[in-house]
Amino acid sequence: SVKQAKACLTEGNITDIHFKSYES
């Protein structure tokens, strides 16, 4: 969701977000 992406951009909250690598 947009809310989930915005929380990551503003607070660094990566909960339930799938990344391709551990570095990302």
mmCIF file of all heavy atoms, coordinates in Angstrom:
data_MODEL
# 
_entry.id   MODEL 
# 
loop_
_atom_site.group_PDB 
_atom_site.id 
_atom_site.type_symbol 
_atom_site.label_atom_id 
_atom_site.label_alt_id 
_atom_site.label_comp_id 
_atom_site.label_asym_id 
_atom_site.label_entity_id 
_atom_site.label_seq_id 
_atom_site.pdbx_PDB_ins_code 
_atom_site.Cartn_x 
_atom_site.Cartn_y 
_atom_site.Cartn_z 
_atom_site.occupancy 
_atom_site.B_iso_or_equiv 
_atom_site.pdbx_formal_charge 
_atom_site.auth_seq_id 
_atom_site.auth_comp_id 
_atom_site.auth_asym_id 
_atom_site.auth_atom_id 
_atom_site.pdbx_PDB_model_num 
ATOM 1   N N   . SER A 1 1  ? 0.845  -1.202  0.000  1.00 0.00 ? 1  SER A N   1 
ATOM 2   C CA  . SER A 1 1  ? 0.000  0.000   0.000  1.00 0.00 ? 1  SER A CA  1 
ATOM 3   C C   . SER A 1 1  ? 0.879  1.250   0.000  1.00 0.00 ? 1  SER A C   1 
ATOM 4   O O   . SER A 1 1  ? 2.063  1.190   0.351  1.00 0.00 ? 1  SER A O   1 
ATOM 5   C CB  . SER A 1 1  ? -0.934 0.018   1.222  1.00 0.00 ? 1  SER A CB  1 
ATOM 6   O OG  . SER A 1 1  ? -0.179 0.157   2.407  1.00 0.00 ? 1  SER A OG  1 
ATOM 7   N N   . VAL A 1 2  ? 0.240  2.370   -0.372 1.00 0.00 ? 2  VAL A N   1 
ATOM 8   C CA  . VAL A 1 2  ? 0.951  3.652   -0.358 1.00 0.00 ? 2  VAL A CA  1 
ATOM 9   C C   . VAL A 1 2  ? 1.322  4.018   1.073  1.00 0.00 ? 2  VAL A C   1 
ATOM 10  O O   . VAL A 1 2  ? 2.407  4.543   1.337  1.00 0.00 ? 2  VAL A O   1 
ATOM 11  C CB  . VAL A 1 2  ? 0.076  4.766   -0.988 1.00 0.00 ? 2  VAL A CB  1 
ATOM 12  C CG1 . VAL A 1 2  ? 0.738  6.127   -0.819 1.00 0.00 ? 2  VAL A CG1 1 
ATOM 13  C CG2 . VAL A 1 2  ? -0.195 4.479   -2.447 1.00 0.00 ? 2  VAL A CG2 1 
ATOM 14  N N   . LYS A 1 3  ? 0.439  3.734   1.994  1.00 0.00 ? 3  LYS A N   1 
ATOM 15  C CA  . LYS A 1 3  ? 0.697  4.036   3.409  1.00 0.00 ? 3  LYS A CA  1 
ATOM 16  C C   . LYS A 1 3  ? 1.925  3.293   3.909  1.00 0.00 ? 3  LYS A C   1 
ATOM 17  O O   . LYS A 1 3  ? 2.753  3.850   4.647  1.00 0.00 ? 3  LYS A O   1 
ATOM 18  C CB  . LYS A 1 3  ? -0.529 3.660   4.226  1.00 0.00 ? 3  LYS A CB  1 
ATOM 19  C CG  . LYS A 1 3  ? -0.416 4.005   5.699  1.00 0.00 ? 3  LYS A CG  1 
ATOM 20  C CD  . LYS A 1 3  ? -1.696 3.646   6.445  1.00 0.00 ? 3  LYS A CD  1 
ATOM 21  C CE  . LYS A 1 3  ? -1.583 3.983   7.929  1.00 0.00 ? 3  LYS A CE  1 
ATOM 22  N NZ  . LYS A 1 3  ? -2.814 3.613   8.684  1.00 0.00 ? 3  LYS A NZ  1 
ATOM 23  N N   . GLN A 1 4  ? 2.047  2.031   3.471  1.00 0.00 ? 4  GLN A N   1 
ATOM 24  C CA  . GLN A 1 4  ? 3.194  1.213   3.895  1.00 0.00 ? 4  GLN A CA  1 
ATOM 25  C C   . GLN A 1 4  ? 4.487  1.781   3.310  1.00 0.00 ? 4  GLN A C   1 
ATOM 26  O O   . GLN A 1 4  ? 5.505  1.890   4.009  1.00 0.00 ? 4  GLN A O   1 
ATOM 27  C CB  . GLN A 1 4  ? 2.977  -0.230  3.438  1.00 0.00 ? 4  GLN A CB  1 
ATOM 28  C CG  . GLN A 1 4  ? 3.973  -1.213  4.002  1.00 0.00 ? 4  GLN A CG  1 
ATOM 29  C CD  . GLN A 1 4  ? 3.699  -2.622  3.515  1.00 0.00 ? 4  GLN A CD  1 
ATOM 30  O OE1 . GLN A 1 4  ? 3.274  -2.837  2.375  1.00 0.00 ? 4  GLN A OE1 1 
ATOM 31  N NE2 . GLN A 1 4  ? 3.932  -3.605  4.388  1.00 0.00 ? 4  GLN A NE2 1 
ATOM 32  N N   . ALA A 1 5  ? 4.443  2.189   2.030  1.00 0.00 ? 5  ALA A N   1 
ATOM 33  C CA  . ALA A 1 5  ? 5.630  2.742   1.374  1.00 0.00 ? 5  ALA A CA  1 
ATOM 34  C C   . ALA A 1 5  ? 6.019  4.076   2.010  1.00 0.00 ? 5  ALA A C   1 
ATOM 35  O O   . ALA A 1 5  ? 7.201  4.362   2.226  1.00 0.00 ? 5  ALA A O   1 
ATOM 36  C CB  . ALA A 1 5  ? 5.351  2.927   -0.114 1.00 0.00 ? 5  ALA A CB  1 
ATOM 37  N N   . LYS A 1 6  ? 4.989  4.926   2.348  1.00 0.00 ? 6  LYS A N   1 
ATOM 38  C CA  . LYS A 1 6  ? 5.264  6.234   2.954  1.00 0.00 ? 6  LYS A CA  1 
ATOM 39  C C   . LYS A 1 6  ? 5.892  6.067   4.339  1.00 0.00 ? 6  LYS A C   1 
ATOM 40  O O   . LYS A 1 6  ? 6.805  6.810   4.718  1.00 0.00 ? 6  LYS A O   1 
ATOM 41  C CB  . LYS A 1 6  ? 3.968  7.042   3.045  1.00 0.00 ? 6  LYS A CB  1 
ATOM 42  C CG  . LYS A 1 6  ? 4.170  8.458   3.548  1.00 0.00 ? 6  LYS A CG  1 
ATOM 43  C CD  . LYS A 1 6  ? 2.860  9.236   3.520  1.00 0.00 ? 6  LYS A CD  1 
ATOM 44  C CE  . LYS A 1 6  ? 3.064  10.659  4.021  1.00 0.00 ? 6  LYS A CE  1 
ATOM 45  N NZ  . LYS A 1 6  ? 1.813  11.436  4.005  1.00 0.00 ? 6  LYS A NZ  1 
ATOM 46  N N   . ALA A 1 7  ? 5.430  5.066   5.087  1.00 0.00 ? 7  ALA A N   1 
ATOM 47  C CA  . ALA A 1 7  ? 5.994  4.820   6.418  1.00 0.00 ? 7  ALA A CA  1 
ATOM 48  C C   . ALA A 1 7  ? 7.456  4.421   6.318  1.00 0.00 ? 7  ALA A C   1 
ATOM 49  O O   . ALA A 1 7  ? 8.285  4.809   7.154  1.00 0.00 ? 7  ALA A O   1 
ATOM 50  C CB  . ALA A 1 7  ? 5.185  3.738   7.134  1.00 0.00 ? 7  ALA A CB  1 
ATOM 51  N N   . CYS A 1 8  ? 7.788  3.693   5.292  1.00 0.00 ? 8  CYS A N   1 
ATOM 52  C CA  . CYS A 1 8  ? 9.191  3.302   5.088  1.00 0.00 ? 8  CYS A CA  1 
ATOM 53  C C   . CYS A 1 8  ? 10.046 4.502   4.724  1.00 0.00 ? 8  CYS A C   1 
ATOM 54  O O   . CYS A 1 8  ? 11.152 4.668   5.230  1.00 0.00 ? 8  CYS A O   1 
ATOM 55  C CB  . CYS A 1 8  ? 9.275  2.223   4.007  1.00 0.00 ? 8  CYS A CB  1 
ATOM 56  S SG  . CYS A 1 8  ? 10.977 1.654   3.697  1.00 0.00 ? 8  CYS A SG  1 
ATOM 57  N N   . LEU A 1 9  ? 9.497  5.390   3.860  1.00 0.00 ? 9  LEU A N   1 
ATOM 58  C CA  . LEU A 1 9  ? 10.259 6.563   3.421  1.00 0.00 ? 9  LEU A CA  1 
ATOM 59  C C   . LEU A 1 9  ? 10.480 7.551   4.553  1.00 0.00 ? 9  LEU A C   1 
ATOM 60  O O   . LEU A 1 9  ? 11.526 8.210   4.615  1.00 0.00 ? 9  LEU A O   1 
ATOM 61  C CB  . LEU A 1 9  ? 9.538  7.261   2.260  1.00 0.00 ? 9  LEU A CB  1 
ATOM 62  C CG  . LEU A 1 9  ? 9.482  6.503   0.926  1.00 0.00 ? 9  LEU A CG  1 
ATOM 63  C CD1 . LEU A 1 9  ? 8.615  7.249   -0.071 1.00 0.00 ? 9  LEU A CD1 1 
ATOM 64  C CD2 . LEU A 1 9  ? 10.884 6.315   0.358  1.00 0.00 ? 9  LEU A CD2 1 
ATOM 65  N N   . THR A 1 10 ? 9.506  7.695   5.441  1.00 0.00 ? 10 THR A N   1 
ATOM 66  C CA  . THR A 1 10 ? 9.613  8.704   6.491  1.00 0.00 ? 10 THR A CA  1 
ATOM 67  C C   . THR A 1 10 ? 10.237 8.169   7.782  1.00 0.00 ? 10 THR A C   1 
ATOM 68  O O   . THR A 1 10 ? 10.945 8.887   8.480  1.00 0.00 ? 10 THR A O   1 
ATOM 69  C CB  . THR A 1 10 ? 8.226  9.285   6.812  1.00 0.00 ? 10 THR A CB  1 
ATOM 70  O OG1 . THR A 1 10 ? 7.343  8.203   7.170  1.00 0.00 ? 10 THR A OG1 1 
ATOM 71  C CG2 . THR A 1 10 ? 7.655  10.041  5.619  1.00 0.00 ? 10 THR A CG2 1 
ATOM 72  N N   . GLU A 1 11 ? 9.972  6.876   8.086  1.00 0.00 ? 11 GLU A N   1 
ATOM 73  C CA  . GLU A 1 11 ? 10.401 6.339   9.376  1.00 0.00 ? 11 GLU A CA  1 
ATOM 74  C C   . GLU A 1 11 ? 11.374 5.157   9.262  1.00 0.00 ? 11 GLU A C   1 
ATOM 75  O O   . GLU A 1 11 ? 11.871 4.659   10.290 1.00 0.00 ? 11 GLU A O   1 
ATOM 76  C CB  . GLU A 1 11 ? 9.172  5.884   10.180 1.00 0.00 ? 11 GLU A CB  1 
ATOM 77  C CG  . GLU A 1 11 ? 8.160  6.993   10.414 1.00 0.00 ? 11 GLU A CG  1 
ATOM 78  C CD  . GLU A 1 11 ? 6.868  6.452   10.993 1.00 0.00 ? 11 GLU A CD  1 
ATOM 79  O OE1 . GLU A 1 11 ? 6.824  5.231   11.276 1.00 0.00 ? 11 GLU A OE1 1 
ATOM 80  O OE2 . GLU A 1 11 ? 5.912  7.237   11.159 1.00 0.00 ? 11 GLU A OE2 1 
ATOM 81  N N   . GLY A 1 12 ? 11.591 4.703   8.039  1.00 0.00 ? 12 GLY A N   1 
ATOM 82  C CA  . GLY A 1 12 ? 12.441 3.522   7.847  1.00 0.00 ? 12 GLY A CA  1 
ATOM 83  C C   . GLY A 1 12 ? 11.763 2.241   8.293  1.00 0.00 ? 12 GLY A C   1 
ATOM 84  O O   . GLY A 1 12 ? 12.442 1.240   8.593  1.00 0.00 ? 12 GLY A O   1 
ATOM 85  N N   . ASN A 1 13 ? 10.432 2.221   8.345  1.00 0.00 ? 13 ASN A N   1 
ATOM 86  C CA  . ASN A 1 13 ? 9.659  1.037   8.752  1.00 0.00 ? 13 ASN A CA  1 
ATOM 87  C C   . ASN A 1 13 ? 9.560  0.080   7.570  1.00 0.00 ? 13 ASN A C   1 
ATOM 88  O O   . ASN A 1 13 ? 8.898  0.361   6.576  1.00 0.00 ? 13 ASN A O   1 
ATOM 89  C CB  . ASN A 1 13 ? 8.276  1.491   9.221  1.00 0.00 ? 13 ASN A CB  1 
ATOM 90  C CG  . ASN A 1 13 ? 7.478  0.344   9.815  1.00 0.00 ? 13 ASN A CG  1 
ATOM 91  O OD1 . ASN A 1 13 ? 7.872  -0.836  9.731  1.00 0.00 ? 13 ASN A OD1 1 
ATOM 92  N ND2 . ASN A 1 13 ? 6.355  0.693   10.422 1.00 0.00 ? 13 ASN A ND2 1 
ATOM 93  N N   . ILE A 1 14 ? 10.190 -1.075  7.690  1.00 0.00 ? 14 ILE A N   1 
ATOM 94  C CA  . ILE A 1 14 ? 10.238 -2.037  6.568  1.00 0.00 ? 14 ILE A CA  1 
ATOM 95  C C   . ILE A 1 14 ? 9.344  -3.239  6.828  1.00 0.00 ? 14 ILE A C   1 
ATOM 96  O O   . ILE A 1 14 ? 9.456  -4.272  6.126  1.00 0.00 ? 14 ILE A O   1 
ATOM 97  C CB  . ILE A 1 14 ? 11.694 -2.493  6.333  1.00 0.00 ? 14 ILE A CB  1 
ATOM 98  C CG1 . ILE A 1 14 ? 12.242 -3.142  7.614  1.00 0.00 ? 14 ILE A CG1 1 
ATOM 99  C CG2 . ILE A 1 14 ? 12.560 -1.321  5.877  1.00 0.00 ? 14 ILE A CG2 1 
ATOM 100 C CD1 . ILE A 1 14 ? 13.609 -3.781  7.414  1.00 0.00 ? 14 ILE A CD1 1 
ATOM 101 N N   . THR A 1 15 ? 8.468  -3.158  7.785  1.00 0.00 ? 15 THR A N   1 
ATOM 102 C CA  . THR A 1 15 ? 7.583  -4.280  8.133  1.00 0.00 ? 15 THR A CA  1 
ATOM 103 C C   . THR A 1 15 ? 6.748  -4.693  6.922  1.00 0.00 ? 15 THR A C   1 
ATOM 104 O O   . THR A 1 15 ? 6.105  -3.856  6.285  1.00 0.00 ? 15 THR A O   1 
ATOM 105 C CB  . THR A 1 15 ? 6.657  -3.869  9.289  1.00 0.00 ? 15 THR A CB  1 
ATOM 106 O OG1 . THR A 1 15 ? 7.450  -3.415  10.390 1.00 0.00 ? 15 THR A OG1 1 
ATOM 107 C CG2 . THR A 1 15 ? 5.799  -5.047  9.733  1.00 0.00 ? 15 THR A CG2 1 
ATOM 108 N N   . ASP A 1 16 ? 6.802  -5.983  6.621  1.00 0.00 ? 16 ASP A N   1 
ATOM 109 C CA  . ASP A 1 16 ? 6.006  -6.604  5.532  1.00 0.00 ? 16 ASP A CA  1 
ATOM 110 C C   . ASP A 1 16 ? 6.374  -6.099  4.152  1.00 0.00 ? 16 ASP A C   1 
ATOM 111 O O   . ASP A 1 16 ? 5.618  -6.286  3.178  1.00 0.00 ? 16 ASP A O   1 
ATOM 112 C CB  . ASP A 1 16 ? 4.511  -6.391  5.763  1.00 0.00 ? 16 ASP A CB  1 
ATOM 113 C CG  . ASP A 1 16 ? 4.028  -7.056  7.044  1.00 0.00 ? 16 ASP A CG  1 
ATOM 114 O OD1 . ASP A 1 16 ? 4.642  -8.065  7.439  1.00 0.00 ? 16 ASP A OD1 1 
ATOM 115 O OD2 . ASP A 1 16 ? 3.054  -6.528  7.635  1.00 0.00 ? 16 ASP A OD2 1 
ATOM 116 N N   . ILE A 1 17 ? 7.530  -5.438  4.001  1.00 0.00 ? 17 ILE A N   1 
ATOM 117 C CA  . ILE A 1 17 ? 7.977  -5.002  2.675  1.00 0.00 ? 17 ILE A CA  1 
ATOM 118 C C   . ILE A 1 17 ? 9.015  -6.010  2.189  1.00 0.00 ? 17 ILE A C   1 
ATOM 119 O O   . ILE A 1 17 ? 9.943  -6.379  2.917  1.00 0.00 ? 17 ILE A O   1 
ATOM 120 C CB  . ILE A 1 17 ? 8.582  -3.590  2.723  1.00 0.00 ? 17 ILE A CB  1 
ATOM 121 C CG1 . ILE A 1 17 ? 7.531  -2.565  3.193  1.00 0.00 ? 17 ILE A CG1 1 
ATOM 122 C CG2 . ILE A 1 17 ? 9.140  -3.186  1.350  1.00 0.00 ? 17 ILE A CG2 1 
ATOM 123 C CD1 . ILE A 1 17 ? 8.075  -1.172  3.330  1.00 0.00 ? 17 ILE A CD1 1 
ATOM 124 N N   . HIS A 1 18 ? 8.869  -6.478  0.946  1.00 0.00 ? 18 HIS A N   1 
ATOM 125 C CA  . HIS A 1 18 ? 9.766  -7.490  0.371  1.00 0.00 ? 18 HIS A CA  1 
ATOM 126 C C   . HIS A 1 18 ? 10.890 -6.814  -0.398 1.00 0.00 ? 18 HIS A C   1 
ATOM 127 O O   . HIS A 1 18 ? 10.644 -5.963  -1.250 1.00 0.00 ? 18 HIS A O   1 
ATOM 128 C CB  . HIS A 1 18 ? 8.987  -8.412  -0.565 1.00 0.00 ? 18 HIS A CB  1 
ATOM 129 C CG  . HIS A 1 18 ? 7.867  -9.132  0.142  1.00 0.00 ? 18 HIS A CG  1 
ATOM 130 N ND1 . HIS A 1 18 ? 8.070  -10.183 1.030  1.00 0.00 ? 18 HIS A ND1 1 
ATOM 131 C CD2 . HIS A 1 18 ? 6.511  -8.937  0.090  1.00 0.00 ? 18 HIS A CD2 1 
ATOM 132 C CE1 . HIS A 1 18 ? 6.909  -10.596 1.486  1.00 0.00 ? 18 HIS A CE1 1 
ATOM 133 N NE2 . HIS A 1 18 ? 5.929  -9.849  0.927  1.00 0.00 ? 18 HIS A NE2 1 
ATOM 134 N N   . PHE A 1 19 ? 12.117 -7.130  -0.068 1.00 0.00 ? 19 PHE A N   1 
ATOM 135 C CA  . PHE A 1 19 ? 13.291 -6.577  -0.743 1.00 0.00 ? 19 PHE A CA  1 
ATOM 136 C C   . PHE A 1 19 ? 14.019 -7.682  -1.499 1.00 0.00 ? 19 PHE A C   1 
ATOM 137 O O   . PHE A 1 19 ? 13.951 -8.866  -1.143 1.00 0.00 ? 19 PHE A O   1 
ATOM 138 C CB  . PHE A 1 19 ? 14.248 -5.945  0.288  1.00 0.00 ? 19 PHE A CB  1 
ATOM 139 C CG  . PHE A 1 19 ? 13.684 -4.711  0.942  1.00 0.00 ? 19 PHE A CG  1 
ATOM 140 C CD1 . PHE A 1 19 ? 12.972 -4.810  2.146  1.00 0.00 ? 19 PHE A CD1 1 
ATOM 141 C CD2 . PHE A 1 19 ? 13.851 -3.475  0.351  1.00 0.00 ? 19 PHE A CD2 1 
ATOM 142 C CE1 . PHE A 1 19 ? 12.455 -3.683  2.744  1.00 0.00 ? 19 PHE A CE1 1 
ATOM 143 C CE2 . PHE A 1 19 ? 13.341 -2.347  0.970  1.00 0.00 ? 19 PHE A CE2 1 
ATOM 144 C CZ  . PHE A 1 19 ? 12.635 -2.443  2.150  1.00 0.00 ? 19 PHE A CZ  1 
ATOM 145 N N   . LYS A 1 20 ? 14.773 -7.309  -2.502 1.00 0.00 ? 20 LYS A N   1 
ATOM 146 C CA  . LYS A 1 20 ? 15.525 -8.284  -3.303 1.00 0.00 ? 20 LYS A CA  1 
ATOM 147 C C   . LYS A 1 20 ? 16.803 -8.724  -2.589 1.00 0.00 ? 20 LYS A C   1 
ATOM 148 O O   . LYS A 1 20 ? 17.303 -9.821  -2.821 1.00 0.00 ? 20 LYS A O   1 
ATOM 149 C CB  . LYS A 1 20 ? 15.885 -7.675  -4.663 1.00 0.00 ? 20 LYS A CB  1 
ATOM 150 C CG  . LYS A 1 20 ? 14.678 -7.449  -5.553 1.00 0.00 ? 20 LYS A CG  1 
ATOM 151 C CD  . LYS A 1 20 ? 15.121 -6.885  -6.893 1.00 0.00 ? 20 LYS A CD  1 
ATOM 152 C CE  . LYS A 1 20 ? 13.925 -6.669  -7.815 1.00 0.00 ? 20 LYS A CE  1 
ATOM 153 N NZ  . LYS A 1 20 ? 14.338 -6.117  -9.117 1.00 0.00 ? 20 LYS A NZ  1 
ATOM 154 N N   . SER A 1 21 ? 17.327 -7.836  -1.749 1.00 0.00 ? 21 SER A N   1 
ATOM 155 C CA  . SER A 1 21 ? 18.602 -8.172  -1.086 1.00 0.00 ? 21 SER A CA  1 
ATOM 156 C C   . SER A 1 21 ? 18.593 -7.640  0.337  1.00 0.00 ? 21 SER A C   1 
ATOM 157 O O   . SER A 1 21 ? 17.814 -6.744  0.687  1.00 0.00 ? 21 SER A O   1 
ATOM 158 C CB  . SER A 1 21 ? 19.782 -7.560  -1.850 1.00 0.00 ? 21 SER A CB  1 
ATOM 159 O OG  . SER A 1 21 ? 19.714 -6.152  -1.809 1.00 0.00 ? 21 SER A OG  1 
ATOM 160 N N   . TYR A 1 22 ? 19.461 -8.203  1.127  1.00 0.00 ? 22 TYR A N   1 
ATOM 161 C CA  . TYR A 1 22 ? 19.582 -7.773  2.514  1.00 0.00 ? 22 TYR A CA  1 
ATOM 162 C C   . TYR A 1 22 ? 20.144 -6.358  2.582  1.00 0.00 ? 22 TYR A C   1 
ATOM 163 O O   . TYR A 1 22 ? 19.759 -5.566  3.439  1.00 0.00 ? 22 TYR A O   1 
ATOM 164 C CB  . TYR A 1 22 ? 20.507 -8.742  3.274  1.00 0.00 ? 22 TYR A CB  1 
ATOM 165 C CG  . TYR A 1 22 ? 20.753 -8.320  4.694  1.00 0.00 ? 22 TYR A CG  1 
ATOM 166 C CD1 . TYR A 1 22 ? 19.780 -8.507  5.678  1.00 0.00 ? 22 TYR A CD1 1 
ATOM 167 C CD2 . TYR A 1 22 ? 21.956 -7.696  5.053  1.00 0.00 ? 22 TYR A CD2 1 
ATOM 168 C CE1 . TYR A 1 22 ? 20.011 -8.098  6.986  1.00 0.00 ? 22 TYR A CE1 1 
ATOM 169 C CE2 . TYR A 1 22 ? 22.176 -7.283  6.358  1.00 0.00 ? 22 TYR A CE2 1 
ATOM 170 C CZ  . TYR A 1 22 ? 21.199 -7.504  7.316  1.00 0.00 ? 22 TYR A CZ  1 
ATOM 171 O OH  . TYR A 1 22 ? 21.433 -7.087  8.614  1.00 0.00 ? 22 TYR A OH  1 
ATOM 172 N N   . GLU A 1 23 ? 21.040 -5.987  1.644  1.00 0.00 ? 23 GLU A N   1 
ATOM 173 C CA  . GLU A 1 23 ? 21.625 -4.651  1.632  1.00 0.00 ? 23 GLU A CA  1 
ATOM 174 C C   . GLU A 1 23 ? 20.548 -3.588  1.414  1.00 0.00 ? 23 GLU A C   1 
ATOM 175 O O   . GLU A 1 23 ? 20.544 -2.535  2.062  1.00 0.00 ? 23 GLU A O   1 
ATOM 176 C CB  . GLU A 1 23 ? 22.691 -4.538  0.544  1.00 0.00 ? 23 GLU A CB  1 
ATOM 177 C CG  . GLU A 1 23 ? 23.952 -5.325  0.821  1.00 0.00 ? 23 GLU A CG  1 
ATOM 178 C CD  . GLU A 1 23 ? 23.779 -6.818  0.532  1.00 0.00 ? 23 GLU A CD  1 
ATOM 179 O OE1 . GLU A 1 23 ? 22.703 -7.181  -0.053 1.00 0.00 ? 23 GLU A OE1 1 
ATOM 180 O OE2 . GLU A 1 23 ? 24.657 -7.594  0.912  1.00 0.00 ? 23 GLU A OE2 1 
ATOM 181 N N   . SER A 1 24 ? 19.602 -3.866  0.511  1.00 0.00 ? 24 SER A N   1 
ATOM 182 C CA  . SER A 1 24 ? 18.511 -2.913  0.251  1.00 0.00 ? 24 SER A CA  1 
ATOM 183 C C   . SER A 1 24 ? 17.630 -2.762  1.479  1.00 0.00 ? 24 SER A C   1 
ATOM 184 O O   . SER A 1 24 ? 17.196 -1.665  1.846  1.00 0.00 ? 24 SER A O   1 
ATOM 185 C CB  . SER A 1 24 ? 17.661 -3.382  -0.932 1.00 0.00 ? 24 SER A CB  1 
ATOM 186 O OG  . SER A 1 24 ? 18.432 -3.442  -2.104 1.00 0.00 ? 24 SER A OG  1 
# 
